[in-house]
N, C-alpha and C. Protein backbone atom coordinates (compact mmCIF):
# COMPACT_ATOMS: atom_id res chain seq x y z
N MET A 1 0.73 -1.24 -0.20
CA MET A 1 -0.05 -0.05 -0.02
C MET A 1 0.88 1.40 0.16
N ILE A 2 1.96 1.08 0.83
CA ILE A 2 2.96 2.14 0.51
C ILE A 2 3.09 2.64 -0.54
N GLY A 3 3.73 1.50 -1.59
CA GLY A 3 4.34 1.58 -2.93
C GLY A 3 2.89 2.37 -3.79
N ALA A 4 1.92 2.08 -3.09
CA ALA A 4 0.92 2.60 -4.38
C ALA A 4 0.62 4.25 -3.92
N ALA A 5 0.49 4.24 -2.88
CA ALA A 5 0.75 5.82 -2.22
C ALA A 5 1.48 6.90 -2.62
N ALA A 6 2.87 6.04 -2.62
CA ALA A 6 4.56 6.77 -3.65
C ALA A 6 4.25 7.00 -4.78
N LEU A 7 3.38 5.93 -5.82
CA LEU A 7 3.27 6.30 -7.37
C LEU A 7 2.37 7.47 -7.07
N VAL A 8 0.95 7.75 -6.13
CA VAL A 8 0.06 8.98 -6.71
C VAL A 8 0.83 10.19 -5.94
N VAL A 9 1.57 10.20 -5.15
CA VAL A 9 2.48 11.50 -4.51
C VAL A 9 3.46 11.74 -5.78
N MET A 10 4.28 11.06 -6.02
CA MET A 10 5.12 11.22 -7.17
C MET A 10 4.38 11.71 -8.90
N GLY A 11 3.41 10.72 -8.51
CA GLY A 11 2.34 11.47 -9.96
C GLY A 11 2.21 12.67 -9.89
N LEU A 12 1.82 13.37 -8.68
CA LEU A 12 0.94 14.67 -8.10
C LEU A 12 2.54 15.30 -8.20
N LEU A 13 3.36 15.46 -7.78
CA LEU A 13 4.67 16.26 -7.52
C LEU A 13 5.15 16.47 -9.07
N GLY A 14 5.07 15.59 -9.80
CA GLY A 14 5.56 15.64 -10.84
C GLY A 14 4.16 16.67 -11.75
N ALA A 15 3.28 16.35 -11.64
CA ALA A 15 2.40 17.52 -12.60
C ALA A 15 2.24 18.53 -12.04
N CYS A 16 3.03 19.02 -10.58
CA CYS A 16 2.88 20.29 -10.25
C CYS A 16 4.39 21.01 -10.71
N GLY A 17 5.31 20.15 -10.74
CA GLY A 17 6.60 20.78 -10.85
C GLY A 17 6.96 21.43 -12.27
N GLY A 18 8.25 22.13 -12.73
CA GLY A 18 8.35 22.62 -14.01
C GLY A 18 7.63 23.90 -14.20
N ASP A 19 8.90 24.53 -14.83
CA ASP A 19 7.82 25.90 -15.06
C ASP A 19 7.16 26.06 -16.94
N ASP A 20 7.37 24.61 -17.58
CA ASP A 20 6.82 24.62 -18.74
C ASP A 20 5.57 24.51 -18.70
N ASP A 21 4.41 25.23 -19.70
CA ASP A 21 3.65 24.48 -19.84
C ASP A 21 3.32 23.84 -21.00
N GLY A 22 4.43 23.35 -21.52
CA GLY A 22 3.93 22.57 -22.63
C GLY A 22 3.94 23.24 -24.13
N SER A 23 3.74 24.75 -23.97
CA SER A 23 3.57 25.23 -25.56
C SER A 23 4.75 25.67 -26.52
N THR A 24 5.74 25.24 -25.66
CA THR A 24 7.17 25.83 -26.48
C THR A 24 7.74 24.67 -27.28
N GLY A 25 7.08 23.73 -27.34
CA GLY A 25 7.79 22.94 -27.96
C GLY A 25 7.87 23.01 -29.46
N GLU A 26 9.01 22.54 -29.98
CA GLU A 26 9.22 23.26 -31.08
C GLU A 26 8.50 22.15 -32.42
N GLY A 27 8.20 22.71 -33.62
CA GLY A 27 7.18 22.27 -34.46
C GLY A 27 8.36 21.62 -35.53
N GLY A 28 7.53 20.88 -36.19
CA GLY A 28 8.19 19.69 -37.15
C GLY A 28 9.54 20.18 -37.97
N SER A 29 9.96 20.00 -38.69
CA SER A 29 10.72 20.48 -39.73
C SER A 29 10.57 19.73 -41.13
N GLY A 30 10.79 20.48 -42.17
CA GLY A 30 10.24 19.99 -43.23
C GLY A 30 10.39 20.86 -44.55
N ALA A 31 10.91 20.20 -45.60
CA ALA A 31 10.51 21.34 -47.00
C ALA A 31 9.45 21.23 -47.59
N GLY A 32 8.91 21.83 -48.08
CA GLY A 32 7.23 21.48 -48.67
C GLY A 32 7.58 22.09 -50.24
N THR A 33 7.46 21.08 -51.06
CA THR A 33 7.35 22.02 -52.32
C THR A 33 6.31 21.57 -53.08
N SER A 34 5.36 22.17 -53.71
CA SER A 34 4.44 22.34 -54.38
C SER A 34 4.32 22.64 -55.99
N THR A 35 4.68 21.91 -56.71
CA THR A 35 4.36 22.29 -58.50
C THR A 35 3.12 22.52 -59.04
N ASN A 36 2.95 23.77 -59.64
CA ASN A 36 1.19 24.02 -60.41
C ASN A 36 2.09 24.51 -61.66
N THR A 37 1.23 23.87 -62.30
CA THR A 37 1.59 24.15 -63.83
C THR A 37 0.01 24.01 -64.46
N ASP A 38 0.04 25.25 -64.82
CA ASP A 38 -1.54 25.57 -66.10
C ASP A 38 -1.08 25.64 -67.55
N THR A 39 -2.01 25.24 -68.52
CA THR A 39 -2.03 25.60 -69.74
C THR A 39 -2.99 25.80 -70.43
N ASN A 40 -2.79 26.98 -70.93
CA ASN A 40 -4.51 27.17 -70.90
C ASN A 40 -3.97 27.91 -73.00
N THR A 41 -4.79 27.76 -73.77
CA THR A 41 -4.54 27.96 -74.74
C THR A 41 -6.14 28.97 -75.20
N GLY A 42 -5.59 30.23 -75.79
CA GLY A 42 -6.70 31.48 -76.04
C GLY A 42 -6.47 31.28 -77.67
N THR A 43 -7.70 31.76 -78.10
CA THR A 43 -8.31 31.72 -79.59
C THR A 43 -7.14 32.12 -80.56
N ASN A 44 -6.97 31.78 -81.19
CA ASN A 44 -6.09 32.80 -81.99
C ASN A 44 -4.91 33.30 -81.45
N THR A 45 -4.12 32.40 -80.10
CA THR A 45 -3.28 33.24 -79.71
C THR A 45 -2.36 32.77 -79.62
N GLY A 46 -2.14 31.00 -79.94
CA GLY A 46 -1.30 30.33 -79.23
C GLY A 46 -0.97 29.63 -78.02
N THR A 47 0.09 29.13 -77.34
CA THR A 47 -0.03 28.68 -76.15
C THR A 47 0.44 29.48 -74.96
N ASN A 48 0.03 29.55 -74.04
CA ASN A 48 0.94 29.73 -73.00
C ASN A 48 1.25 29.13 -71.79
N THR A 49 2.12 28.88 -71.32
CA THR A 49 2.60 27.82 -70.45
C THR A 49 2.75 28.70 -68.93
N ASN A 50 2.63 28.56 -67.91
CA ASN A 50 2.98 29.41 -66.58
C ASN A 50 3.20 27.98 -65.61
N THR A 51 4.53 28.27 -64.80
CA THR A 51 4.52 27.24 -64.24
C THR A 51 4.97 27.90 -62.98
N ASN A 52 4.54 27.58 -62.08
CA ASN A 52 4.61 28.38 -60.45
C ASN A 52 5.07 26.91 -59.50
N THR A 53 6.60 27.43 -59.15
CA THR A 53 6.60 26.50 -57.60
C THR A 53 7.15 27.52 -56.72
N ASN A 54 6.65 26.91 -55.61
CA ASN A 54 6.46 27.57 -54.32
C ASN A 54 6.29 26.75 -52.92
N GLY A 55 7.55 26.57 -52.39
CA GLY A 55 7.29 25.95 -51.00
C GLY A 55 7.58 26.94 -49.74
N GLU A 56 7.08 25.95 -48.84
CA GLU A 56 6.71 26.68 -47.60
C GLU A 56 7.13 25.27 -46.56
N GLY A 57 7.68 25.49 -45.73
CA GLY A 57 8.45 24.85 -44.66
C GLY A 57 7.08 24.39 -43.77
N GLY A 58 7.40 23.28 -42.57
CA GLY A 58 6.05 23.47 -41.80
C GLY A 58 5.98 22.03 -42.00
N ALA A 59 5.90 20.80 -40.65
CA ALA A 59 5.35 19.75 -40.72
C ALA A 59 5.73 19.31 -41.97
N GLY A 60 6.03 19.36 -42.86
CA GLY A 60 5.95 18.56 -44.32
C GLY A 60 4.98 18.95 -45.41
N GLY A 61 4.46 19.78 -45.01
CA GLY A 61 3.37 20.46 -45.68
C GLY A 61 4.32 21.62 -46.91
N GLY A 62 3.46 22.10 -48.04
CA GLY A 62 3.68 22.69 -48.83
C GLY A 62 2.26 23.78 -49.26
N VAL A 63 3.10 25.05 -49.51
CA VAL A 63 1.59 25.98 -50.40
C VAL A 63 1.63 25.51 -51.55
N GLY A 64 0.66 25.46 -52.26
CA GLY A 64 0.46 25.46 -53.66
C GLY A 64 0.82 26.74 -54.53
N GLY A 65 1.16 26.33 -55.73
CA GLY A 65 1.40 27.54 -56.77
C GLY A 65 0.39 28.41 -56.52
N ALA A 66 0.59 29.84 -57.52
CA ALA A 66 -0.55 30.56 -57.02
C ALA A 66 -1.78 30.71 -58.38
N GLY A 67 -1.09 29.73 -59.57
CA GLY A 67 -2.08 29.56 -60.85
C GLY A 67 -1.64 29.77 -61.61
N GLY A 68 -2.65 29.32 -62.84
CA GLY A 68 -2.15 29.20 -64.06
C GLY A 68 -2.06 30.49 -64.79
N GLY A 69 -1.65 30.79 -66.04
CA GLY A 69 -1.35 31.67 -66.58
C GLY A 69 -2.78 32.09 -67.86
N GLU A 70 -3.11 33.17 -67.97
CA GLU A 70 -4.00 33.83 -68.87
C GLU A 70 -3.92 33.35 -70.18
N GLY A 71 -4.79 33.09 -71.16
CA GLY A 71 -4.41 32.92 -72.48
C GLY A 71 -3.39 33.94 -73.25
N GLY A 72 -2.78 33.69 -74.18
CA GLY A 72 -1.61 34.85 -74.61
C GLY A 72 -2.51 36.58 -75.23
N ALA A 73 -2.07 37.12 -75.56
CA ALA A 73 -2.85 38.43 -76.03
C ALA A 73 -2.79 38.49 -77.75
N GLY A 74 -2.08 37.58 -78.26
CA GLY A 74 -2.38 37.16 -79.58
C GLY A 74 -1.37 38.05 -80.32
N GLY A 75 -1.06 37.74 -81.60
CA GLY A 75 -0.18 38.84 -82.71
C GLY A 75 -0.66 39.96 -82.66
N ALA A 76 0.28 40.88 -82.91
CA ALA A 76 0.42 42.66 -82.92
C ALA A 76 -0.06 42.62 -84.45
N GLY A 77 0.10 41.83 -85.25
CA GLY A 77 0.12 42.02 -87.04
C GLY A 77 1.42 41.81 -87.71
N GLY A 78 1.30 42.65 -88.70
CA GLY A 78 2.24 42.92 -89.59
C GLY A 78 3.51 44.00 -89.49
N GLY A 79 3.47 44.37 -88.22
CA GLY A 79 3.83 46.01 -87.73
C GLY A 79 3.57 47.28 -88.56
N ASN A 80 3.85 48.07 -88.92
CA ASN A 80 3.21 49.34 -89.21
C ASN A 80 3.29 49.29 -90.67
N THR A 81 2.39 48.10 -91.60
CA THR A 81 2.08 48.22 -92.61
C THR A 81 1.18 49.75 -92.99
N ALA A 82 1.73 50.41 -94.19
CA ALA A 82 0.33 51.11 -95.02
C ALA A 82 -0.83 50.42 -95.36
N GLN A 83 -1.98 51.24 -95.20
CA GLN A 83 -3.33 50.85 -95.71
C GLN A 83 -3.42 51.13 -96.91
N ALA A 84 -3.93 50.17 -97.82
CA ALA A 84 -3.82 50.27 -99.20
C ALA A 84 -5.73 51.16 -99.42
N VAL A 85 -5.55 52.32 -100.11
CA VAL A 85 -6.73 52.78 -100.66
C VAL A 85 -6.54 52.84 -102.03
N ASN A 86 -7.82 52.16 -102.82
CA ASN A 86 -7.77 51.83 -103.94
C ASN A 86 -6.73 51.27 -104.81
N GLY A 87 -5.76 50.62 -104.14
CA GLY A 87 -4.52 50.03 -104.81
C GLY A 87 -3.21 50.39 -104.90
N CYS A 88 -3.50 51.53 -103.87
CA CYS A 88 -2.27 52.56 -103.62
C CYS A 88 -1.59 52.61 -102.28
N THR A 89 -0.43 53.20 -101.68
CA THR A 89 -0.51 53.18 -100.61
C THR A 89 0.62 54.33 -100.63
N ILE A 90 1.02 55.28 -99.21
CA ILE A 90 1.90 56.27 -99.78
C ILE A 90 3.22 55.67 -99.83
N ASP A 91 3.96 54.47 -99.75
CA ASP A 91 4.84 54.10 -100.19
C ASP A 91 5.24 53.83 -101.84
N THR A 92 4.12 53.08 -102.58
CA THR A 92 4.02 52.60 -104.04
C THR A 92 3.69 53.99 -104.48
N ALA A 93 3.41 55.37 -103.84
CA ALA A 93 3.02 56.74 -104.57
C ALA A 93 4.09 57.33 -105.19
N THR A 94 3.71 57.90 -106.69
CA THR A 94 4.64 58.35 -107.32
C THR A 94 4.72 59.61 -106.81
N ASP A 95 6.51 59.89 -106.32
CA ASP A 95 6.54 61.06 -105.43
C ASP A 95 6.82 61.99 -106.10
N MET A 96 5.89 63.47 -106.01
CA MET A 96 5.74 64.40 -107.00
C MET A 96 6.03 65.69 -106.06
N THR A 97 6.38 65.69 -104.87
CA THR A 97 6.58 66.45 -103.36
C THR A 97 7.03 67.72 -103.91
N ASN A 98 8.30 67.55 -105.14
CA ASN A 98 8.90 68.83 -105.05
C ASN A 98 8.39 69.41 -106.77
N SER A 99 6.86 68.94 -106.96
CA SER A 99 6.31 69.97 -107.84
C SER A 99 5.52 70.52 -107.80
N ALA A 100 5.25 71.92 -108.25
CA ALA A 100 4.23 72.55 -107.63
C ALA A 100 2.74 72.33 -108.71
N ALA A 101 2.70 71.49 -109.91
CA ALA A 101 1.51 71.17 -110.76
C ALA A 101 2.17 69.75 -111.75
N VAL A 102 1.19 68.88 -111.16
CA VAL A 102 1.23 67.44 -111.63
C VAL A 102 -0.23 67.26 -112.66
N SER A 103 -0.25 66.64 -113.39
CA SER A 103 -1.16 65.88 -114.69
C SER A 103 -1.56 64.62 -114.34
N ILE A 104 -2.56 63.84 -114.46
CA ILE A 104 -3.00 62.59 -114.81
C ILE A 104 -3.98 62.53 -115.99
N ALA A 105 -3.57 61.66 -116.48
CA ALA A 105 -4.10 61.38 -117.94
C ALA A 105 -4.87 59.93 -117.78
N PHE A 106 -5.80 59.96 -118.80
CA PHE A 106 -6.81 58.64 -118.35
C PHE A 106 -7.76 58.69 -119.35
N GLY A 107 -7.97 57.35 -119.66
CA GLY A 107 -9.27 57.19 -121.28
C GLY A 107 -8.22 57.33 -122.12
N GLY A 108 -8.98 57.57 -123.39
CA GLY A 108 -7.69 57.32 -124.94
C GLY A 108 -6.94 56.79 -125.01
N ALA A 109 -5.77 56.81 -124.98
CA ALA A 109 -4.76 56.14 -125.38
C ALA A 109 -3.93 55.66 -123.98
N ALA A 110 -4.32 55.93 -122.70
CA ALA A 110 -4.34 55.15 -121.38
C ALA A 110 -5.26 54.48 -120.98
N GLY A 111 -6.18 54.50 -121.93
CA GLY A 111 -7.18 53.19 -121.69
C GLY A 111 -8.34 53.36 -120.44
N GLN A 112 -8.37 52.48 -119.83
CA GLN A 112 -9.26 52.81 -118.48
C GLN A 112 -8.42 52.57 -117.21
N THR A 113 -7.35 53.69 -117.27
CA THR A 113 -6.60 53.91 -116.13
C THR A 113 -6.16 55.28 -116.02
N TYR A 114 -5.89 55.80 -114.92
CA TYR A 114 -4.96 56.84 -114.44
C TYR A 114 -3.55 56.70 -114.44
N ASN A 115 -2.90 57.68 -115.25
CA ASN A 115 -2.05 57.73 -115.25
C ASN A 115 -1.04 58.89 -114.85
N PRO A 116 -0.06 58.95 -113.33
CA PRO A 116 -0.18 58.08 -112.88
C PRO A 116 -1.59 57.45 -111.90
N LYS A 117 -1.57 56.52 -111.29
CA LYS A 117 -2.27 56.09 -110.39
C LYS A 117 -2.54 56.68 -109.13
N CYS A 118 -1.18 56.20 -108.26
CA CYS A 118 -1.18 56.82 -107.27
C CYS A 118 0.03 58.04 -106.98
N LEU A 119 -0.18 59.28 -106.46
CA LEU A 119 0.56 59.79 -105.99
C LEU A 119 0.65 60.38 -104.65
N LEU A 120 1.84 60.87 -104.46
CA LEU A 120 2.41 62.09 -103.55
C LEU A 120 2.44 63.43 -103.49
N VAL A 121 1.94 64.10 -103.51
CA VAL A 121 2.43 65.56 -103.43
C VAL A 121 2.18 66.33 -102.01
N ALA A 122 2.87 67.60 -102.34
CA ALA A 122 3.07 68.60 -100.81
C ALA A 122 1.84 69.50 -101.14
N ALA A 123 1.45 70.16 -99.69
CA ALA A 123 0.41 70.80 -99.99
C ALA A 123 0.37 71.85 -100.77
N GLY A 124 -0.95 72.26 -101.46
CA GLY A 124 -1.04 73.26 -102.34
C GLY A 124 -0.54 73.10 -103.55
N THR A 125 -0.23 71.69 -104.25
CA THR A 125 -0.16 71.48 -105.53
C THR A 125 -1.25 71.09 -106.34
N VAL A 126 -0.97 71.93 -107.51
CA VAL A 126 -1.96 71.67 -108.27
C VAL A 126 -1.98 70.49 -109.11
N VAL A 127 -3.30 69.20 -109.20
CA VAL A 127 -3.19 68.16 -109.84
C VAL A 127 -4.23 68.54 -111.16
N THR A 128 -3.90 68.29 -112.23
CA THR A 128 -4.75 68.15 -113.17
C THR A 128 -5.41 66.81 -114.01
N PHE A 129 -6.27 66.74 -113.87
CA PHE A 129 -6.93 65.34 -114.51
C PHE A 129 -6.83 66.13 -115.90
N ASN A 130 -6.83 65.24 -116.96
CA ASN A 130 -6.95 65.34 -118.58
C ASN A 130 -7.23 64.03 -119.14
N GLY A 131 -8.55 64.17 -119.15
CA GLY A 131 -9.23 62.94 -120.49
C GLY A 131 -10.71 63.56 -120.70
N SER A 132 -11.60 62.34 -121.09
CA SER A 132 -13.03 62.78 -121.16
C SER A 132 -13.69 62.43 -120.35
N PHE A 133 -14.00 63.29 -119.72
CA PHE A 133 -14.76 63.31 -118.09
C PHE A 133 -16.27 62.71 -118.76
N GLN A 134 -16.54 62.83 -119.71
CA GLN A 134 -17.99 62.35 -120.11
C GLN A 134 -17.65 60.87 -120.81
N ASN A 135 -17.01 59.99 -120.91
CA ASN A 135 -16.65 58.59 -120.81
C ASN A 135 -16.12 58.27 -119.46
N HIS A 136 -15.48 59.20 -118.66
CA HIS A 136 -15.15 58.64 -117.61
C HIS A 136 -15.47 59.99 -116.44
N PRO A 137 -16.38 59.48 -115.87
CA PRO A 137 -16.92 60.50 -115.02
C PRO A 137 -15.34 60.44 -114.06
N LEU A 138 -15.44 61.52 -113.21
CA LEU A 138 -14.33 61.56 -112.10
C LEU A 138 -15.12 61.49 -110.79
N GLN A 139 -15.29 61.03 -109.91
CA GLN A 139 -15.54 60.80 -108.36
C GLN A 139 -14.89 60.38 -107.32
N GLY A 140 -14.76 61.29 -105.89
CA GLY A 140 -14.03 60.97 -105.32
C GLY A 140 -14.34 60.04 -104.35
N GLY A 141 -13.30 59.01 -103.50
CA GLY A 141 -14.12 57.70 -103.35
C GLY A 141 -13.25 56.57 -103.32
N GLU A 142 -13.96 55.65 -102.44
CA GLU A 142 -12.95 54.47 -102.69
C GLU A 142 -13.65 53.10 -103.04
N VAL A 143 -12.82 52.40 -103.64
CA VAL A 143 -13.35 50.97 -104.37
C VAL A 143 -12.75 50.04 -103.36
N GLU A 144 -14.01 49.05 -102.90
CA GLU A 144 -13.36 48.00 -101.96
C GLU A 144 -14.35 46.47 -102.92
N ASN A 145 -13.29 45.68 -103.33
CA ASN A 145 -14.28 44.58 -103.31
C ASN A 145 -15.27 44.88 -104.75
N GLY A 146 -14.73 45.45 -105.41
CA GLY A 146 -15.39 46.14 -106.51
C GLY A 146 -16.86 47.19 -106.52
N THR A 147 -17.02 47.49 -105.44
CA THR A 147 -17.91 47.89 -104.32
C THR A 147 -17.47 49.57 -104.39
N SER A 148 -18.59 50.75 -104.73
CA SER A 148 -17.31 52.22 -104.99
C SER A 148 -18.46 53.00 -104.18
N THR A 149 -17.56 53.65 -102.94
CA THR A 149 -18.41 53.82 -101.99
C THR A 149 -18.26 55.71 -102.43
N PRO A 150 -18.85 56.82 -102.60
CA PRO A 150 -18.20 58.11 -102.91
C PRO A 150 -17.76 58.87 -101.64
N ALA A 151 -16.94 59.73 -102.27
CA ALA A 151 -16.92 60.39 -100.89
C ALA A 151 -17.36 61.56 -100.56
N THR A 152 -17.73 62.24 -99.38
CA THR A 152 -19.00 62.96 -99.13
C THR A 152 -17.87 64.37 -98.91
N THR A 153 -16.73 63.89 -99.03
CA THR A 153 -16.14 65.89 -98.46
C THR A 153 -14.53 65.55 -99.48
N GLY A 154 -14.13 66.39 -99.40
CA GLY A 154 -12.96 66.39 -100.21
C GLY A 154 -12.87 66.83 -101.73
N PRO A 155 -12.04 66.96 -102.77
CA PRO A 155 -11.81 68.28 -103.49
C PRO A 155 -12.70 66.98 -104.57
N PHE A 156 -12.71 66.02 -104.85
CA PHE A 156 -13.28 65.08 -105.93
C PHE A 156 -14.84 64.83 -105.35
N ALA A 157 -15.40 65.54 -103.90
CA ALA A 157 -16.36 64.76 -104.04
C ALA A 157 -17.60 64.96 -104.62
N GLN A 158 -17.70 65.86 -105.69
CA GLN A 158 -18.79 66.41 -106.44
C GLN A 158 -18.04 65.51 -108.04
N VAL A 159 -18.44 64.95 -108.60
CA VAL A 159 -18.63 64.34 -109.77
C VAL A 159 -18.18 65.39 -110.85
N THR A 160 -17.11 65.07 -111.91
CA THR A 160 -16.53 65.62 -112.76
C THR A 160 -17.16 64.96 -113.66
N ASN A 161 -17.94 65.58 -114.85
CA ASN A 161 -18.66 64.49 -115.77
C ASN A 161 -18.52 65.12 -117.14
N THR A 162 -18.03 66.90 -117.09
CA THR A 162 -18.05 67.32 -118.86
C THR A 162 -16.84 68.00 -118.64
N GLY A 163 -16.47 68.10 -120.20
CA GLY A 163 -15.56 68.71 -120.10
C GLY A 163 -14.07 67.61 -120.42
N THR A 164 -12.77 68.17 -120.65
CA THR A 164 -11.67 67.22 -120.60
C THR A 164 -10.64 67.43 -119.57
N THR A 165 -10.68 68.63 -119.03
CA THR A 165 -9.25 68.94 -118.23
C THR A 165 -10.01 69.61 -116.95
N LYS A 166 -9.56 69.06 -115.62
CA LYS A 166 -10.00 69.85 -114.58
C LYS A 166 -8.90 69.50 -113.55
N ALA A 167 -8.65 71.25 -112.80
CA ALA A 167 -7.71 71.34 -112.16
C ALA A 167 -8.18 71.59 -110.53
N PHE A 168 -7.10 71.08 -109.80
CA PHE A 168 -7.71 70.72 -108.47
C PHE A 168 -6.44 71.08 -107.38
N THR A 169 -6.72 72.18 -106.82
CA THR A 169 -5.60 73.17 -105.77
C THR A 169 -6.06 71.88 -104.64
N LEU A 170 -5.06 71.06 -104.07
CA LEU A 170 -4.25 70.56 -103.15
C LEU A 170 -4.25 71.10 -101.78
N ASP A 171 -4.96 71.99 -100.76
CA ASP A 171 -3.96 72.65 -99.92
C ASP A 171 -3.94 71.51 -99.01
N ALA A 172 -5.13 71.09 -98.65
CA ALA A 172 -4.94 70.20 -96.98
C ALA A 172 -4.67 69.09 -97.00
N ALA A 173 -3.75 69.12 -95.97
CA ALA A 173 -3.29 67.25 -95.91
C ALA A 173 -3.94 65.79 -95.58
N GLY A 174 -4.01 64.97 -96.54
CA GLY A 174 -4.64 63.78 -96.16
C GLY A 174 -4.71 62.98 -97.25
N THR A 175 -5.29 62.21 -97.62
CA THR A 175 -5.74 61.15 -98.43
C THR A 175 -7.01 61.16 -99.27
N TYR A 176 -6.68 61.30 -100.61
CA TYR A 176 -8.03 61.52 -101.31
C TYR A 176 -8.06 60.58 -102.63
N PRO A 177 -8.81 59.26 -102.41
CA PRO A 177 -9.18 58.70 -103.26
C PRO A 177 -9.93 58.96 -104.34
N TYR A 178 -9.99 58.52 -105.54
CA TYR A 178 -10.71 58.37 -106.74
C TYR A 178 -11.02 57.60 -107.41
N TYR A 179 -12.19 57.91 -108.37
CA TYR A 179 -12.41 56.45 -109.06
C TYR A 179 -13.19 57.44 -110.47
N CYS A 180 -13.23 56.25 -111.62
CA CYS A 180 -14.34 56.96 -112.83
C CYS A 180 -15.54 55.77 -112.10
N VAL A 181 -16.27 56.73 -112.29
CA VAL A 181 -17.67 56.23 -112.09
C VAL A 181 -17.70 54.87 -112.51
N PRO A 182 -18.33 54.59 -114.16
CA PRO A 182 -18.52 53.43 -114.47
C PRO A 182 -17.27 51.94 -114.94
N HIS A 183 -16.04 52.58 -114.33
CA HIS A 183 -15.17 51.51 -114.68
C HIS A 183 -14.65 51.44 -113.41
N ALA A 184 -14.61 51.93 -112.57
CA ALA A 184 -14.01 52.12 -111.08
C ALA A 184 -13.79 50.23 -110.68
N ALA A 185 -14.93 49.25 -110.73
CA ALA A 185 -14.71 48.02 -110.29
C ALA A 185 -13.70 47.28 -111.80
N ASN A 186 -13.52 47.98 -112.59
CA ASN A 186 -12.30 47.61 -113.53
C ASN A 186 -10.79 47.78 -113.03
N GLY A 187 -10.53 48.48 -112.03
CA GLY A 187 -9.33 48.96 -111.47
C GLY A 187 -9.11 50.15 -111.87
N MET A 188 -10.04 51.34 -112.64
CA MET A 188 -9.76 52.59 -112.83
C MET A 188 -9.69 53.82 -111.78
N ASN A 189 -8.91 53.37 -110.65
CA ASN A 189 -9.00 54.04 -109.72
C ASN A 189 -8.10 54.68 -108.99
N GLY A 190 -7.53 55.40 -107.93
CA GLY A 190 -6.64 55.86 -107.35
C GLY A 190 -6.61 56.52 -106.03
N ALA A 191 -5.25 56.84 -105.96
CA ALA A 191 -5.56 57.72 -104.51
C ALA A 191 -4.37 58.49 -104.70
N ILE A 192 -4.51 60.13 -104.25
CA ILE A 192 -3.50 61.06 -103.74
C ILE A 192 -3.48 61.45 -102.62
N TYR A 193 -2.12 61.49 -102.01
CA TYR A 193 -1.83 61.54 -100.99
C TYR A 193 -1.23 63.16 -100.64
N VAL A 194 -1.61 63.94 -99.96
CA VAL A 194 -1.29 65.18 -99.71
C VAL A 194 -0.39 65.40 -98.60
N GLN A 195 1.15 66.12 -98.39
CA GLN A 195 1.60 65.97 -97.37
C GLN A 195 1.86 67.80 -96.84
N GLN A 196 1.94 68.35 -95.66
CA GLN A 196 1.83 69.51 -95.50
C GLN A 196 3.80 69.81 -95.91
């Protein structure tokens, strides 16, 4: 009986002894690694693959990666390519910026074309069209896929359908497309680029 009492007393003393409340135990050590790989394919953008690896220690666990990537933004196109107007671009236009007056021939010996078709001139240049406006009425506007859209503003907005010579002074910078009303879809069109 004394032995049993000694065990009880020792147990009580053990429970009362020590300053440690048991809360200062050390945590387990472990290096956790988590890998999260997402692959997203965007519409007409190609494939974007994003892999995130992020590990945090502690009891052997790890925190997963932050997530996947979004689909790619898509291609930016072919760079700084000039937009064609009536088959002309500023890069392919005949440079007449050093001339105060320029002539464009059409009809007759030139056929159903304007010569030159595409022009680059300086502001203030006088451009004269020479040919039969009765056979080839001149109209400002664009021709796309065989469909003519008349201009509502600009030097050629009014149809010129009489005479054989018409001069236009082009003072304002801009792009001025034009065409022959009955032959526009046959390629009888052009554009004048005016620079300051």
